[in-house]
Amino acid sequence: MSSTGNVGRVVDGAVTMLVTMLVDGVAVVGVVVGWLSLLAKGLYRRP
């Protein structure tokens, strides 16, 4: 039982890390896209 419990903990930790990485990646992409859109709007406003 102890071995399976340890494996379960490792799997849960790995899944948590993957989910955290995905959420961080999505947040970073959202920030980058937001900045690019703001820069594009600023460039278009210039004559």
PDB file of N, CA and C in Angstrom:
ATOM      1  N   MET A   1       0.841  -1.206   0.000  1.00  0.00           N
ATOM      2  CA  MET A   1       0.000   0.000   0.000  1.00  0.00           C
ATOM      3  C   MET A   1       0.877   1.256   0.000  1.00  0.00           C
ATOM      4  N   SER A   2       1.992   1.200   0.717  1.00  0.00           N
ATOM      5  CA  SER A   2       2.840   2.387   0.808  1.00  0.00           C
ATOM      6  C   SER A   2       3.406   2.749  -0.567  1.00  0.00           C
ATOM      7  N   SER A   3       3.771   1.701  -1.362  1.00  0.00           N
ATOM      8  CA  SER A   3       4.355   1.972  -2.680  1.00  0.00           C
ATOM      9  C   SER A   3       3.316   2.637  -3.586  1.00  0.00           C
ATOM     10  N   THR A   4       2.096   2.102  -3.593  1.00  0.00           N
ATOM     11  CA  THR A   4       1.060   2.682  -4.445  1.00  0.00           C
ATOM     12  C   THR A   4       0.728   4.093  -3.971  1.00  0.00           C
ATOM     13  N   GLY A   5       0.748   4.309  -2.665  1.00  0.00           N
ATOM     14  CA  GLY A   5       0.477   5.647  -2.133  1.00  0.00           C
ATOM     15  C   GLY A   5       1.534   6.622  -2.602  1.00  0.00           C
ATOM     16  N   ASN A   6       2.796   6.189  -2.581  1.00  0.00           N
ATOM     17  CA  ASN A   6       3.874   7.073  -3.034  1.00  0.00           C
ATOM     18  C   ASN A   6       3.713   7.387  -4.515  1.00  0.00           C
ATOM     19  N   VAL A   7       3.373   6.368  -5.308  1.00  0.00           N
ATOM     20  CA  VAL A   7       3.182   6.585  -6.748  1.00  0.00           C
ATOM     21  C   VAL A   7       2.043   7.576  -6.966  1.00  0.00           C
ATOM     22  N   GLY A   8       0.973   7.419  -6.199  1.00  0.00           N
ATOM     23  CA  GLY A   8      -0.159   8.337  -6.332  1.00  0.00           C
ATOM     24  C   GLY A   8       0.263   9.762  -6.015  1.00  0.00           C
ATOM     25  N   ARG A   9       1.090   9.910  -4.980  1.00  0.00           N
ATOM     26  CA  ARG A   9       1.551  11.258  -4.618  1.00  0.00           C
ATOM     27  C   ARG A   9       2.404  11.839  -5.735  1.00  0.00           C
ATOM     28  N   VAL A  10       3.275  11.005  -6.311  1.00  0.00           N
ATOM     29  CA  VAL A  10       4.145  11.481  -7.397  1.00  0.00           C
ATOM     30  C   VAL A  10       3.300  11.892  -8.601  1.00  0.00           C
ATOM     31  N   VAL A  11       2.306  11.063  -8.934  1.00  0.00           N
ATOM     32  CA  VAL A  11       1.442  11.378 -10.081  1.00  0.00           C
ATOM     33  C   VAL A  11       0.678  12.669  -9.814  1.00  0.00           C
ATOM     34  N   ASP A  12       0.135  12.796  -8.610  1.00  0.00           N
ATOM     35  CA  ASP A  12      -0.606  14.021  -8.273  1.00  0.00           C
ATOM     36  C   ASP A  12       0.314  15.235  -8.367  1.00  0.00           C
ATOM     37  N   GLY A  13       1.549  15.085  -7.884  1.00  0.00           N
ATOM     38  CA  GLY A  13       2.496  16.204  -7.949  1.00  0.00           C
ATOM     39  C   GLY A  13       2.814  16.562  -9.390  1.00  0.00           C
ATOM     40  N   ALA A  14       3.009  15.537 -10.232  1.00  0.00           N
ATOM     41  CA  ALA A  14       3.332  15.794 -11.642  1.00  0.00           C
ATOM     42  C   ALA A  14       2.162  16.483 -12.336  1.00  0.00           C
ATOM     43  N   VAL A  15       0.955  16.000 -12.072  1.00  0.00           N
ATOM     44  CA  VAL A  15      -0.230  16.613 -12.698  1.00  0.00           C
ATOM     45  C   VAL A  15      -0.379  18.058 -12.235  1.00  0.00           C
ATOM     46  N   THR A  16      -0.158  18.285 -10.939  1.00  0.00           N
ATOM     47  CA  THR A  16      -0.263  19.652 -10.416  1.00  0.00           C
ATOM     48  C   THR A  16       0.757  20.561 -11.086  1.00  0.00           C
ATOM     49  N   MET A  17       1.991  20.054 -11.262  1.00  0.00           N
ATOM     50  CA  MET A  17       3.037  20.856 -11.918  1.00  0.00           C
ATOM     51  C   MET A  17       2.646  21.157 -13.362  1.00  0.00           C
ATOM     52  N   LEU A  18       2.123  20.142 -14.068  1.00  0.00           N
ATOM     53  CA  LEU A  18       1.740  20.342 -15.472  1.00  0.00           C
ATOM     54  C   LEU A  18       0.624  21.379 -15.568  1.00  0.00           C
ATOM     55  N   VAL A  19      -0.380  21.256 -14.696  1.00  0.00           N
ATOM     56  CA  VAL A  19      -1.499  22.211 -14.727  1.00  0.00           C
ATOM     57  C   VAL A  19      -0.995  23.617 -14.422  1.00  0.00           C
ATOM     58  N   THR A  20      -0.096  23.726 -13.438  1.00  0.00           N
ATOM     59  CA  THR A  20       0.447  25.043 -13.092  1.00  0.00           C
ATOM     60  C   THR A  20       1.221  25.626 -14.265  1.00  0.00           C
ATOM     61  N   MET A  21       2.016  24.789 -14.939  1.00  0.00           N
ATOM     62  CA  MET A  21       2.786  25.260 -16.095  1.00  0.00           C
ATOM     63  C   MET A  21       1.847  25.715 -17.210  1.00  0.00           C
ATOM     64  N   LEU A  22       0.770  24.946 -17.435  1.00  0.00           N
ATOM     65  CA  LEU A  22      -0.175  25.310 -18.493  1.00  0.00           C
ATOM     66  C   LEU A  22      -0.848  26.638 -18.162  1.00  0.00           C
ATOM     67  N   VAL A  23      -1.277  26.794 -16.905  1.00  0.00           N
ATOM     68  CA  VAL A  23      -1.943  28.046 -16.505  1.00  0.00           C
ATOM     69  C   VAL A  23      -0.982  29.220 -16.650  1.00  0.00           C
ATOM     70  N   ASP A  24       0.276  29.023 -16.200  1.00  0.00           N
ATOM     71  CA  ASP A  24       1.266  30.098 -16.329  1.00  0.00           C
ATOM     72  C   ASP A  24       1.502  30.409 -17.803  1.00  0.00           C
ATOM     73  N   GLY A  25       1.585  29.378 -18.646  1.00  0.00           N
ATOM     74  CA  GLY A  25       1.805  29.588 -20.079  1.00  0.00           C
ATOM     75  C   GLY A  25       0.662  30.382 -20.690  1.00  0.00           C
ATOM     76  N   VAL A  26      -0.571  30.023 -20.331  1.00  0.00           N
ATOM     77  CA  VAL A  26      -1.727  30.743 -20.870  1.00  0.00           C
ATOM     78  C   VAL A  26      -1.703  32.193 -20.412  1.00  0.00           C
ATOM     79  N   ALA A  27      -1.341  32.423 -19.153  1.00  0.00           N
ATOM     80  CA  ALA A  27      -1.288  33.789 -18.627  1.00  0.00           C
ATOM     81  C   ALA A  27      -0.228  34.593 -19.368  1.00  0.00           C
ATOM     82  N   VAL A  28       0.942  33.985 -19.582  1.00  0.00           N
ATOM     83  CA  VAL A  28       2.023  34.690 -20.288  1.00  0.00           C
ATOM     84  C   VAL A  28       1.596  35.008 -21.714  1.00  0.00           C
ATOM     85  N   VAL A  29       0.983  34.045 -22.389  1.00  0.00           N
ATOM     86  CA  VAL A  29       0.530  34.272 -23.770  1.00  0.00           C
ATOM     87  C   VAL A  29      -0.504  35.398 -23.796  1.00  0.00           C
ATOM     88  N   GLY A  30      -1.410  35.401 -22.830  1.00  0.00           N
ATOM     89  CA  GLY A  30      -2.426  36.452 -22.787  1.00  0.00           C
ATOM     90  C   GLY A  30      -1.793  37.821 -22.606  1.00  0.00           C
ATOM     91  N   VAL A  31      -0.796  37.913 -21.720  1.00  0.00           N
ATOM     92  CA  VAL A  31      -0.122  39.198 -21.495  1.00  0.00           C
ATOM     93  C   VAL A  31       0.613  39.633 -22.757  1.00  0.00           C
ATOM     94  N   VAL A  32       1.313  38.694 -23.402  1.00  0.00           N
ATOM     95  CA  VAL A  32       2.060  39.032 -24.623  1.00  0.00           C
ATOM     96  C   VAL A  32       1.104  39.493 -25.718  1.00  0.00           C
ATOM     97  N   VAL A  33       0.011  38.777 -25.900  1.00  0.00           N
ATOM     98  CA  VAL A  33      -0.962  39.160 -26.931  1.00  0.00           C
ATOM     99  C   VAL A  33      -1.549  40.531 -26.613  1.00  0.00           C
ATOM    100  N   GLY A  34      -1.817  40.776 -25.339  1.00  0.00           N
ATOM    101  CA  GLY A  34      -2.366  42.078 -24.953  1.00  0.00           C
ATOM    102  C   GLY A  34      -1.395  43.202 -25.266  1.00  0.00           C
ATOM    103  N   TRP A  35      -0.108  42.995 -24.934  1.00  0.00           N
ATOM    104  CA  TRP A  35       0.897  44.022 -25.218  1.00  0.00           C
ATOM    105  C   TRP A  35       1.029  44.232 -26.722  1.00  0.00           C
ATOM    106  N   LEU A  36       1.049  43.139 -27.498  1.00  0.00           N
ATOM    107  CA  LEU A  36       1.186  43.262 -28.958  1.00  0.00           C
ATOM    108  C   LEU A  36      -0.003  44.030 -29.531  1.00  0.00           C
ATOM    109  N   SER A  37      -1.201  43.749 -29.035  1.00  0.00           N
ATOM    110  CA  SER A  37      -2.382  44.454 -29.544  1.00  0.00           C
ATOM    111  C   SER A  37      -2.300  45.940 -29.204  1.00  0.00           C
ATOM    112  N   LEU A  38      -1.829  46.258 -27.996  1.00  0.00           N
ATOM    113  CA  LEU A  38      -1.695  47.669 -27.612  1.00  0.00           C
ATOM    114  C   LEU A  38      -0.650  48.357 -28.493  1.00  0.00           C
ATOM    115  N   LEU A  39       0.479  47.681 -28.730  1.00  0.00           N
ATOM    116  CA  LEU A  39       1.525  48.265 -29.576  1.00  0.00           C
ATOM    117  C   LEU A  39       0.994  48.459 -30.995  1.00  0.00           C
ATOM    118  N   ALA A  40       0.257  47.484 -31.508  1.00  0.00           N
ATOM    119  CA  ALA A  40      -0.282  47.592 -32.864  1.00  0.00           C
ATOM    120  C   ALA A  40      -1.244  48.776 -32.947  1.00  0.00           C
ATOM    121  N   LYS A  41      -2.099  48.947 -31.947  1.00  0.00           N
ATOM    122  CA  LYS A  41      -3.034  50.077 -31.956  1.00  0.00           C
ATOM    123  C   LYS A  41      -2.266  51.391 -31.931  1.00  0.00           C
ATOM    124  N   GLY A  42      -1.198  51.456 -31.122  1.00  0.00           N
ATOM    125  CA  GLY A  42      -0.400  52.679 -31.044  1.00  0.00           C
ATOM    126  C   GLY A  42       0.256  52.983 -32.381  1.00  0.00           C
ATOM    127  N   LEU A  43       0.739  51.959 -33.067  1.00  0.00           N
ATOM    128  CA  LEU A  43       1.393  52.185 -34.363  1.00  0.00           C
ATOM    129  C   LEU A  43       0.364  52.637 -35.396  1.00  0.00           C
ATOM    130  N   TYR A  44      -0.832  52.044 -35.363  1.00  0.00           N
ATOM    131  CA  TYR A  44      -1.852  52.419 -36.341  1.00  0.00           C
ATOM    132  C   TYR A  44      -2.328  53.858 -36.118  1.00  0.00           C
ATOM    133  N   ARG A  45      -2.321  54.301 -34.878  1.00  0.00           N
ATOM    134  CA  ARG A  45      -2.776  55.669 -34.604  1.00  0.00           C
ATOM    135  C   ARG A  45      -1.803  56.691 -35.172  1.00  0.00           C
ATOM    136  N   ARG A  46      -0.516  56.319 -35.246  1.00  0.00           N
ATOM    137  CA  ARG A  46       0.474  57.272 -35.763  1.00  0.00           C
ATOM    138  C   ARG A  46       0.278  57.481 -37.262  1.00  0.00           C
ATOM    139  N   PRO A  47       0.436  58.716 -37.734  1.00  0.00           N
ATOM    140  CA  PRO A  47       0.251  59.011 -39.165  1.00  0.00           C
ATOM    141  C   PRO A  47       1.383  58.421 -40.001  1.00  0.00           C
TER     142      PRO A  47
END
